[in-house]
C-alpha atoms as a PDB file:
ATOM      1  CA  MET A   1      58.660  64.599 102.350  1.00  0.00           C
ATOM      2  CA  GLU A   2      60.387  62.046 100.690  1.00  0.00           C
ATOM      3  CA  ALA A   3      60.673  63.321  96.843  1.00  0.00           C
ATOM      4  CA  TRP A   4      57.508  61.928  95.503  1.00  0.00           C
ATOM      5  CA  GLN A   5      55.353  62.927  98.407  1.00  0.00           C
ATOM      6  CA  ASP A   6      56.460  66.431  97.261  1.00  0.00           C
ATOM      7  CA  THR A   7      55.973  66.208  93.114  1.00  0.00           C
ATOM      8  CA  LEU A   8      52.271  64.818  94.009  1.00  0.00           C
ATOM      9  CA  TYR A   9      51.492  67.662  97.017  1.00  0.00           C
ATOM     10  CA  GLN A  10      52.650  70.199  94.258  1.00  0.00           C
ATOM     11  CA  LYS A  11      50.870  68.011  91.167  1.00  0.00           C
ATOM     12  CA  THR A  12      47.698  68.493  93.513  1.00  0.00           C
ATOM     13  CA  LEU A  13      48.251  72.379  94.112  1.00  0.00           C
ATOM     14  CA  ASN A  14      48.770  73.405  91.085  1.00  0.00           C
ATOM     15  CA  GLU A  15      46.145  71.518  89.079  1.00  0.00           C
ATOM     16  CA  GLU A  16      42.969  72.557  92.043  1.00  0.00           C
ATOM     17  CA  LEU A  17      44.666  76.326  91.661  1.00  0.00           C
ATOM     18  CA  THR A  18      44.365  75.696  87.578  1.00  0.00           C
ATOM     19  CA  GLY A  19      40.393  74.341  87.959  1.00  0.00           C
ATOM     20  CA  LEU A  20      39.681  76.959  90.462  1.00  0.00           C
ATOM     21  CA  GLU A  21      40.535  80.013  88.134  1.00  0.00           C
ATOM     22  CA  ARG A  22      39.093  78.009  85.206  1.00  0.00           C
ATOM     23  CA  ARG A  23      35.875  78.276  87.058  1.00  0.00           C
ATOM     24  CA  ARG A  24      35.679  81.804  88.194  1.00  0.00           C
ATOM     25  CA  ALA A  25      36.441  82.348  84.668  1.00  0.00           C
ATOM     26  CA  ALA A  26      33.241  80.231  83.170  1.00  0.00           C
ATOM     27  CA  ASP A  27      31.342  79.981  86.313  1.00  0.00           C
ATOM     28  CA  PHE A  28      29.270  83.072  87.467  1.00  0.00           C
ATOM     29  CA  SER A  29      27.569  81.416  90.767  1.00  0.00           C
ATOM     30  CA  CYS A  30      31.567  81.240  92.010  1.00  0.00           C
ATOM     31  CA  THR A  31      31.596  83.213  94.556  1.00  0.00           C
ATOM     32  CA  VAL A  32      34.238  83.701  97.316  1.00  0.00           C
ATOM     33  CA  GLU A  33      31.686  82.922  99.509  1.00  0.00           C
ATOM     34  CA  ALA A  34      30.563  79.532  97.896  1.00  0.00           C
ATOM     35  CA  LEU A  35      34.473  78.742  97.869  1.00  0.00           C
ATOM     36  CA  GLU A  36      34.367  79.073 101.099  1.00  0.00           C
ATOM     37  CA  GLU A  37      32.185  76.489 101.923  1.00  0.00           C
ATOM     38  CA  LEU A  38      33.622  74.151  99.842  1.00  0.00           C
ATOM     39  CA  LEU A  39      36.867  74.684 102.059  1.00  0.00           C
ATOM     40  CA  GLU A  40      34.795  74.386 105.392  1.00  0.00           C
ATOM     41  CA  SER A  41      33.444  70.965 103.256  1.00  0.00           C
ATOM     42  CA  LEU A  42      37.297  70.043 102.910  1.00  0.00           C
ATOM     43  CA  TYR A  43      38.163  70.751 106.594  1.00  0.00           C
ATOM     44  CA  ASN A  44      35.956  68.118 107.899  1.00  0.00           C
ATOM     45  CA  LEU A  45      36.596  65.844 105.002  1.00  0.00           C
ATOM     46  CA  ASP A  46      39.942  66.300 106.551  1.00  0.00           C
ATOM     47  CA  GLY A  47      39.163  66.035 110.045  1.00  0.00           C
ATOM     48  CA  ALA A  48      36.836  62.532 109.483  1.00  0.00           C
ATOM     49  CA  ASP A  49      39.782  60.690 108.971  1.00  0.00           C
ATOM     50  CA  TRP A  50      38.952  58.086 111.852  1.00  0.00           C
ATOM     51  CA  LEU A  51      39.801  55.390 109.441  1.00  0.00           C
ATOM     52  CA  GLY A  52      42.580  56.249 107.899  1.00  0.00           C
ATOM     53  CA  ARG A  53      42.716  57.037 104.298  1.00  0.00           C
ATOM     54  CA  GLY A  54      45.939  56.476 103.211  1.00  0.00           C
ATOM     55  CA  GLU A  55      49.309  58.978 102.599  1.00  0.00           C
ATOM     56  CA  VAL A  56      48.352  59.069  98.997  1.00  0.00           C
ATOM     57  CA  GLN A  57      45.451  60.911  99.874  1.00  0.00           C
ATOM     58  CA  SER A  58      45.811  62.628 102.989  1.00  0.00           C
ATOM     59  CA  ILE A  59      48.530  64.662 100.260  1.00  0.00           C
ATOM     60  CA  THR A  60      45.448  65.053  98.205  1.00  0.00           C
ATOM     61  CA  LEU A  61      43.560  66.448 100.081  1.00  0.00           C
ATOM     62  CA  SER A  62      45.948  68.463 102.372  1.00  0.00           C
ATOM     63  CA  ALA A  63      47.333  70.326  98.654  1.00  0.00           C
ATOM     64  CA  GLN A  64      43.564  70.761  97.451  1.00  0.00           C
ATOM     65  CA  ILE A  65      43.154  72.350 101.570  1.00  0.00           C
ATOM     66  CA  ALA A  66      46.240  74.956 100.120  1.00  0.00           C
ATOM     67  CA  ALA A  67      44.533  75.669  97.080  1.00  0.00           C
ATOM     68  CA  TYR A  68      41.399  77.013  97.944  1.00  0.00           C
ATOM     69  CA  GLU A  69      42.587  78.545 101.507  1.00  0.00           C
ATOM     70  CA  GLN A  70      45.711  80.345  98.302  1.00  0.00           C
ATOM     71  CA  PHE A  71      43.341  81.192  96.058  1.00  0.00           C
ATOM     72  CA  ILE A  72      40.113  82.465  97.887  1.00  0.00           C
ATOM     73  CA  SER A  73      43.159  84.807  99.463  1.00  0.00           C
ATOM     74  CA  ALA A  74      43.278  86.283  96.646  1.00  0.00           C
ATOM     75  CA  TRP A  75      40.604  86.577  95.767  1.00  0.00           C
ATOM     76  CA  LYS A  76      40.207  89.020  98.423  1.00  0.00           C
ATOM     77  CA  LYS A  77      43.049  90.991  97.683  1.00  0.00           C
ATOM     78  CA  GLU A  78      42.390  91.364  94.564  1.00  0.00           C
ATOM     79  CA  SER A  79      39.002  92.635  95.187  1.00  0.00           C
ATOM     80  CA  CYS A  80      40.185  94.962  98.730  1.00  0.00           C
ATOM     81  CA  THR A  81      43.054  96.386  95.538  1.00  0.00           C
ATOM     82  CA  THR A  82      40.272  96.735  92.916  1.00  0.00           C
ATOM     83  CA  THR A  83      37.057  98.368  95.069  1.00  0.00           C
ATOM     84  CA  GLY A  84      38.601  99.509  98.111  1.00  0.00           C
ATOM     85  CA  LYS A  85      36.252  97.547 100.245  1.00  0.00           C
ATOM     86  CA  LYS A  86      36.985  93.917 102.377  1.00  0.00           C
ATOM     87  CA  LEU A  87      35.280  90.936 101.605  1.00  0.00           C
END
C-alpha cells in the first residue's frame, strides 16, 4: 500500500473502533449479535461491487470491516474471561 492508502486505512479503522466503543458504552441495545448483523451487512456491501466503488471507498470499507471484526472478537474474549462462558 502507498502511504496515503495506509493512512486512510488506519484513520478509518481507529475512528470506527472509537465509535464502536462509544456506542457500546452509551447504547444498551448494542450487543455482540447486533454488531454481527451490521458486520454481515458490511460483508454484503463489500461483495456487491459490480459497478466499482473506487479505491478510497474500498479502503474505507475494508477498514470498517476490520474494525467490526476486531471489536467483536475482543468483546467475545472479554465476555469469556469475565463470565467463563462462550458467546
